[in-house]
Amino acid sequence: MSTDKLSRENIVEYLAGIELLSLDTDGVLTDGGIYFNDAGEEIRKFNVKDGMGIKLAQAKGVKVVIITSSSTPSIGHRAAALGVDHVYLGVSDKREKLTDLCADLGLSFDQVVHMG
């Protein structure tokens, strides 16, 4: 369903059909900043409110995937701490990866929300 068809009245009904929440990392789960420690390693700052949103979605049975072009280990650590179902780091074509995952899970794009 395209966003132009969504209204206040049917948004709850639409979201009830969502089976997969797909997220990028930078600027979605982080403030978009990249920090470096003294060893030159990249560090990301994650917001606990986003983590709570992920946990609430999971409690409703929604699967969560993180698909990001970054390959920073801290992303994998945060995803593991949240119990994220699928994590793909270093992905250049996110749409292709999401399409493949949907096929594996037997989902259509109408059952997916993506941010990123």
N, C-alpha and C. Protein backbone atom coordinates (compact mmCIF):
# COMPACT_ATOMS: atom_id res chain seq x y z
N MET A 1 0.85 -1.17 0.00
CA MET A 1 0.00 0.00 0.00
C MET A 1 0.90 1.23 0.00
N SER A 2 0.63 2.17 -0.88
CA SER A 2 1.43 3.39 -0.91
C SER A 2 0.95 4.36 0.16
N THR A 3 1.84 5.26 0.56
CA THR A 3 1.51 6.16 1.66
C THR A 3 0.38 7.12 1.32
N ASP A 4 0.15 7.41 0.03
CA ASP A 4 -0.94 8.33 -0.32
C ASP A 4 -2.31 7.71 -0.03
N LYS A 5 -2.39 6.42 0.16
CA LYS A 5 -3.66 5.76 0.46
C LYS A 5 -3.89 5.64 1.97
N LEU A 6 -2.90 6.00 2.77
CA LEU A 6 -3.05 5.89 4.21
C LEU A 6 -3.76 7.11 4.77
N SER A 7 -4.62 6.88 5.72
CA SER A 7 -5.29 7.96 6.42
C SER A 7 -5.29 7.63 7.90
N ARG A 8 -5.65 8.58 8.68
CA ARG A 8 -5.70 8.36 10.13
C ARG A 8 -6.63 7.19 10.47
N GLU A 9 -7.68 7.04 9.70
CA GLU A 9 -8.67 6.00 9.99
C GLU A 9 -8.17 4.59 9.70
N ASN A 10 -7.32 4.43 8.67
CA ASN A 10 -6.93 3.07 8.33
C ASN A 10 -5.48 2.73 8.67
N ILE A 11 -4.75 3.62 9.31
CA ILE A 11 -3.35 3.34 9.62
C ILE A 11 -3.21 2.17 10.59
N VAL A 12 -4.07 2.08 11.58
CA VAL A 12 -3.99 0.98 12.55
C VAL A 12 -4.26 -0.35 11.86
N GLU A 13 -5.25 -0.38 10.99
CA GLU A 13 -5.55 -1.60 10.23
C GLU A 13 -4.37 -1.98 9.34
N TYR A 14 -3.79 -1.00 8.68
CA TYR A 14 -2.64 -1.25 7.80
C TYR A 14 -1.47 -1.83 8.60
N LEU A 15 -1.15 -1.21 9.72
CA LEU A 15 -0.01 -1.66 10.52
C LEU A 15 -0.24 -3.04 11.12
N ALA A 16 -1.47 -3.44 11.30
CA ALA A 16 -1.76 -4.76 11.84
C ALA A 16 -1.27 -5.87 10.92
N GLY A 17 -1.11 -5.58 9.63
CA GLY A 17 -0.64 -6.57 8.67
C GLY A 17 0.86 -6.61 8.50
N ILE A 18 1.59 -5.79 9.25
CA ILE A 18 3.04 -5.74 9.13
C ILE A 18 3.67 -6.92 9.87
N GLU A 19 4.51 -7.66 9.16
CA GLU A 19 5.20 -8.83 9.72
C GLU A 19 6.69 -8.59 9.90
N LEU A 20 7.24 -7.58 9.20
CA LEU A 20 8.68 -7.36 9.22
C LEU A 20 8.98 -5.87 9.29
N LEU A 21 9.81 -5.48 10.25
CA LEU A 21 10.31 -4.11 10.38
C LEU A 21 11.76 -4.11 9.92
N SER A 22 12.03 -3.39 8.84
CA SER A 22 13.37 -3.32 8.26
C SER A 22 13.97 -1.96 8.55
N LEU A 23 15.18 -1.94 9.09
CA LEU A 23 15.81 -0.70 9.51
C LEU A 23 17.23 -0.57 8.98
N ASP A 24 17.59 0.63 8.57
CA ASP A 24 18.98 0.98 8.35
C ASP A 24 19.52 1.40 9.71
N THR A 25 20.78 1.73 9.79
CA THR A 25 21.35 2.13 11.07
C THR A 25 21.59 3.63 11.14
N ASP A 26 22.50 4.13 10.31
CA ASP A 26 22.93 5.52 10.40
C ASP A 26 21.78 6.48 10.09
N GLY A 27 21.46 7.32 11.07
CA GLY A 27 20.38 8.28 10.92
C GLY A 27 19.01 7.71 11.23
N VAL A 28 18.93 6.41 11.46
CA VAL A 28 17.66 5.77 11.82
C VAL A 28 17.73 5.31 13.28
N LEU A 29 18.67 4.45 13.57
CA LEU A 29 18.88 3.98 14.94
C LEU A 29 19.96 4.78 15.66
N THR A 30 20.62 5.67 14.93
CA THR A 30 21.65 6.54 15.52
C THR A 30 21.33 7.98 15.17
N ASP A 31 22.12 8.89 15.72
CA ASP A 31 21.95 10.30 15.40
C ASP A 31 22.64 10.68 14.10
N GLY A 32 23.21 9.71 13.41
CA GLY A 32 23.88 9.96 12.14
C GLY A 32 25.36 10.29 12.30
N GLY A 33 25.80 10.47 13.53
CA GLY A 33 27.21 10.78 13.77
C GLY A 33 28.05 9.51 13.82
N ILE A 34 29.30 9.66 13.46
CA ILE A 34 30.26 8.56 13.58
C ILE A 34 31.38 9.05 14.48
N TYR A 35 31.65 8.30 15.52
CA TYR A 35 32.70 8.64 16.46
C TYR A 35 33.86 7.69 16.25
N PHE A 36 35.07 8.15 16.56
CA PHE A 36 36.25 7.31 16.48
C PHE A 36 36.94 7.29 17.84
N ASN A 37 37.32 6.09 18.29
CA ASN A 37 38.09 6.02 19.53
C ASN A 37 39.57 6.22 19.22
N ASP A 38 40.41 6.18 20.24
CA ASP A 38 41.83 6.43 20.04
C ASP A 38 42.51 5.39 19.16
N ALA A 39 41.92 4.21 19.05
CA ALA A 39 42.46 3.16 18.19
C ALA A 39 41.99 3.31 16.74
N GLY A 40 41.16 4.33 16.48
CA GLY A 40 40.66 4.56 15.13
C GLY A 40 39.44 3.75 14.77
N GLU A 41 38.84 3.08 15.75
CA GLU A 41 37.65 2.27 15.49
C GLU A 41 36.40 3.14 15.50
N GLU A 42 35.49 2.85 14.58
CA GLU A 42 34.22 3.58 14.52
C GLU A 42 33.31 3.15 15.66
N ILE A 43 32.61 4.13 16.22
CA ILE A 43 31.65 3.87 17.29
C ILE A 43 30.36 4.60 16.93
N ARG A 44 29.23 3.96 17.17
CA ARG A 44 27.93 4.57 16.93
C ARG A 44 27.22 4.77 18.27
N LYS A 45 26.43 5.82 18.36
CA LYS A 45 25.62 6.07 19.56
C LYS A 45 24.18 5.70 19.22
N PHE A 46 23.64 4.72 19.94
CA PHE A 46 22.27 4.26 19.72
C PHE A 46 21.35 4.85 20.78
N ASN A 47 20.12 5.15 20.40
CA ASN A 47 19.15 5.71 21.33
C ASN A 47 18.33 4.59 21.95
N VAL A 48 18.22 4.60 23.27
CA VAL A 48 17.48 3.54 23.96
C VAL A 48 15.99 3.57 23.61
N LYS A 49 15.47 4.72 23.20
CA LYS A 49 14.06 4.80 22.81
C LYS A 49 13.80 3.98 21.55
N ASP A 50 14.74 3.99 20.62
CA ASP A 50 14.61 3.15 19.43
C ASP A 50 14.64 1.68 19.81
N GLY A 51 15.51 1.34 20.75
CA GLY A 51 15.57 -0.04 21.24
C GLY A 51 14.26 -0.47 21.86
N MET A 52 13.63 0.42 22.60
CA MET A 52 12.33 0.10 23.20
C MET A 52 11.28 -0.11 22.11
N GLY A 53 11.32 0.70 21.06
CA GLY A 53 10.40 0.53 19.95
C GLY A 53 10.57 -0.82 19.28
N ILE A 54 11.81 -1.25 19.12
CA ILE A 54 12.09 -2.56 18.54
C ILE A 54 11.53 -3.66 19.44
N LYS A 55 11.76 -3.55 20.74
CA LYS A 55 11.26 -4.56 21.67
C LYS A 55 9.73 -4.62 21.67
N LEU A 56 9.08 -3.46 21.57
CA LEU A 56 7.61 -3.44 21.52
C LEU A 56 7.10 -4.11 20.24
N ALA A 57 7.77 -3.85 19.12
CA ALA A 57 7.38 -4.49 17.86
C ALA A 57 7.55 -6.00 17.96
N GLN A 58 8.68 -6.43 18.52
CA GLN A 58 8.93 -7.86 18.68
C GLN A 58 7.87 -8.51 19.59
N ALA A 59 7.46 -7.79 20.62
CA ALA A 59 6.44 -8.33 21.53
C ALA A 59 5.11 -8.54 20.83
N LYS A 60 4.88 -7.82 19.73
CA LYS A 60 3.66 -7.98 18.93
C LYS A 60 3.85 -9.02 17.82
N GLY A 61 5.03 -9.68 17.81
CA GLY A 61 5.28 -10.73 16.82
C GLY A 61 5.91 -10.25 15.53
N VAL A 62 6.32 -8.99 15.48
CA VAL A 62 6.95 -8.45 14.28
C VAL A 62 8.42 -8.84 14.28
N LYS A 63 8.89 -9.41 13.17
CA LYS A 63 10.30 -9.72 13.02
C LYS A 63 11.04 -8.43 12.66
N VAL A 64 12.31 -8.34 13.06
CA VAL A 64 13.10 -7.14 12.81
C VAL A 64 14.36 -7.51 12.05
N VAL A 65 14.70 -6.71 11.06
CA VAL A 65 15.94 -6.87 10.31
C VAL A 65 16.66 -5.53 10.26
N ILE A 66 17.97 -5.58 10.39
CA ILE A 66 18.81 -4.41 10.16
C ILE A 66 19.61 -4.69 8.90
N ILE A 67 19.50 -3.78 7.94
CA ILE A 67 20.26 -3.88 6.69
C ILE A 67 21.00 -2.56 6.53
N THR A 68 22.32 -2.61 6.56
CA THR A 68 23.11 -1.38 6.51
C THR A 68 24.36 -1.56 5.66
N SER A 69 24.80 -0.47 5.08
CA SER A 69 26.03 -0.51 4.28
C SER A 69 27.26 -0.50 5.18
N SER A 70 27.09 -0.10 6.41
CA SER A 70 28.21 -0.08 7.36
C SER A 70 28.55 -1.49 7.81
N SER A 71 29.80 -1.68 8.18
CA SER A 71 30.21 -2.99 8.69
C SER A 71 30.84 -2.87 10.08
N THR A 72 30.47 -1.83 10.80
CA THR A 72 31.00 -1.59 12.14
C THR A 72 30.48 -2.64 13.12
N PRO A 73 31.38 -3.30 13.86
CA PRO A 73 30.95 -4.34 14.79
C PRO A 73 29.94 -3.88 15.84
N SER A 74 29.96 -2.60 16.23
CA SER A 74 29.03 -2.13 17.26
C SER A 74 27.58 -2.30 16.83
N ILE A 75 27.32 -2.27 15.53
CA ILE A 75 25.95 -2.46 15.03
C ILE A 75 25.49 -3.88 15.33
N GLY A 76 26.35 -4.84 15.07
CA GLY A 76 26.03 -6.23 15.38
C GLY A 76 25.83 -6.46 16.86
N HIS A 77 26.64 -5.79 17.68
CA HIS A 77 26.50 -5.92 19.14
C HIS A 77 25.15 -5.37 19.61
N ARG A 78 24.76 -4.20 19.08
CA ARG A 78 23.48 -3.60 19.47
C ARG A 78 22.33 -4.50 19.02
N ALA A 79 22.41 -5.00 17.80
CA ALA A 79 21.36 -5.88 17.27
C ALA A 79 21.23 -7.14 18.12
N ALA A 80 22.35 -7.71 18.52
CA ALA A 80 22.32 -8.91 19.36
C ALA A 80 21.70 -8.61 20.72
N ALA A 81 22.03 -7.45 21.29
CA ALA A 81 21.47 -7.07 22.59
C ALA A 81 19.95 -6.92 22.52
N LEU A 82 19.44 -6.52 21.36
CA LEU A 82 18.00 -6.34 21.18
C LEU A 82 17.30 -7.60 20.68
N GLY A 83 18.07 -8.64 20.35
CA GLY A 83 17.47 -9.86 19.83
C GLY A 83 16.91 -9.70 18.42
N VAL A 84 17.57 -8.86 17.61
CA VAL A 84 17.13 -8.63 16.23
C VAL A 84 17.26 -9.94 15.45
N ASP A 85 16.22 -10.27 14.69
CA ASP A 85 16.14 -11.55 14.00
C ASP A 85 17.18 -11.73 12.89
N HIS A 86 17.39 -10.69 12.11
CA HIS A 86 18.30 -10.77 10.96
C HIS A 86 19.13 -9.49 10.91
N VAL A 87 20.45 -9.64 10.71
CA VAL A 87 21.35 -8.49 10.63
C VAL A 87 22.26 -8.68 9.43
N TYR A 88 22.28 -7.68 8.56
CA TYR A 88 23.12 -7.73 7.37
C TYR A 88 23.96 -6.46 7.34
N LEU A 89 25.27 -6.62 7.53
CA LEU A 89 26.21 -5.51 7.52
C LEU A 89 26.95 -5.47 6.19
N GLY A 90 27.38 -4.28 5.78
CA GLY A 90 28.17 -4.14 4.56
C GLY A 90 27.39 -4.38 3.29
N VAL A 91 26.10 -4.07 3.29
CA VAL A 91 25.23 -4.33 2.14
C VAL A 91 25.17 -3.09 1.25
N SER A 92 25.50 -3.26 -0.02
CA SER A 92 25.45 -2.11 -0.94
C SER A 92 24.07 -1.94 -1.57
N ASP A 93 23.36 -3.03 -1.81
CA ASP A 93 22.03 -2.96 -2.41
C ASP A 93 21.00 -3.47 -1.39
N LYS A 94 20.48 -2.55 -0.60
CA LYS A 94 19.57 -2.91 0.49
C LYS A 94 18.24 -3.46 -0.03
N ARG A 95 17.76 -2.89 -1.13
CA ARG A 95 16.49 -3.38 -1.69
C ARG A 95 16.62 -4.84 -2.13
N GLU A 96 17.72 -5.17 -2.77
CA GLU A 96 17.93 -6.56 -3.20
C GLU A 96 17.99 -7.49 -1.99
N LYS A 97 18.70 -7.09 -0.94
CA LYS A 97 18.80 -7.92 0.27
C LYS A 97 17.42 -8.10 0.91
N LEU A 98 16.64 -7.01 0.98
CA LEU A 98 15.31 -7.09 1.56
C LEU A 98 14.39 -7.97 0.71
N THR A 99 14.50 -7.85 -0.60
CA THR A 99 13.71 -8.69 -1.51
C THR A 99 14.02 -10.16 -1.28
N ASP A 100 15.31 -10.49 -1.18
CA ASP A 100 15.72 -11.87 -0.93
C ASP A 100 15.19 -12.38 0.41
N LEU A 101 15.29 -11.54 1.45
CA LEU A 101 14.81 -11.95 2.77
C LEU A 101 13.30 -12.18 2.75
N CYS A 102 12.57 -11.29 2.09
CA CYS A 102 11.11 -11.46 2.00
C CYS A 102 10.76 -12.77 1.30
N ALA A 103 11.50 -13.10 0.25
CA ALA A 103 11.26 -14.36 -0.44
C ALA A 103 11.52 -15.54 0.49
N ASP A 104 12.62 -15.47 1.26
CA ASP A 104 12.95 -16.54 2.20
C ASP A 104 11.87 -16.70 3.29
N LEU A 105 11.29 -15.57 3.71
CA LEU A 105 10.29 -15.59 4.78
C LEU A 105 8.87 -15.74 4.27
N GLY A 106 8.70 -15.73 2.94
CA GLY A 106 7.36 -15.84 2.36
C GLY A 106 6.52 -14.60 2.58
N LEU A 107 7.15 -13.43 2.57
CA LEU A 107 6.45 -12.16 2.80
C LEU A 107 6.40 -11.32 1.53
N SER A 108 5.36 -10.52 1.41
CA SER A 108 5.28 -9.52 0.33
C SER A 108 5.69 -8.17 0.91
N PHE A 109 5.99 -7.21 0.03
CA PHE A 109 6.36 -5.88 0.51
C PHE A 109 5.21 -5.19 1.25
N ASP A 110 3.98 -5.62 1.03
CA ASP A 110 2.84 -5.07 1.77
C ASP A 110 2.90 -5.44 3.25
N GLN A 111 3.71 -6.42 3.59
CA GLN A 111 3.84 -6.86 4.98
C GLN A 111 5.10 -6.31 5.65
N VAL A 112 5.76 -5.36 4.98
CA VAL A 112 7.05 -4.84 5.44
C VAL A 112 6.99 -3.33 5.59
N VAL A 113 7.60 -2.85 6.66
CA VAL A 113 7.86 -1.42 6.82
C VAL A 113 9.37 -1.26 6.83
N HIS A 114 9.87 -0.32 6.01
CA HIS A 114 11.32 -0.07 5.96
C HIS A 114 11.60 1.38 6.28
N MET A 115 12.59 1.62 7.11
CA MET A 115 13.07 2.97 7.40
C MET A 115 14.56 3.02 7.11
N GLY A 116 14.94 3.97 6.27
CA GLY A 116 16.36 4.12 6.00
C GLY A 116 16.68 4.51 4.61
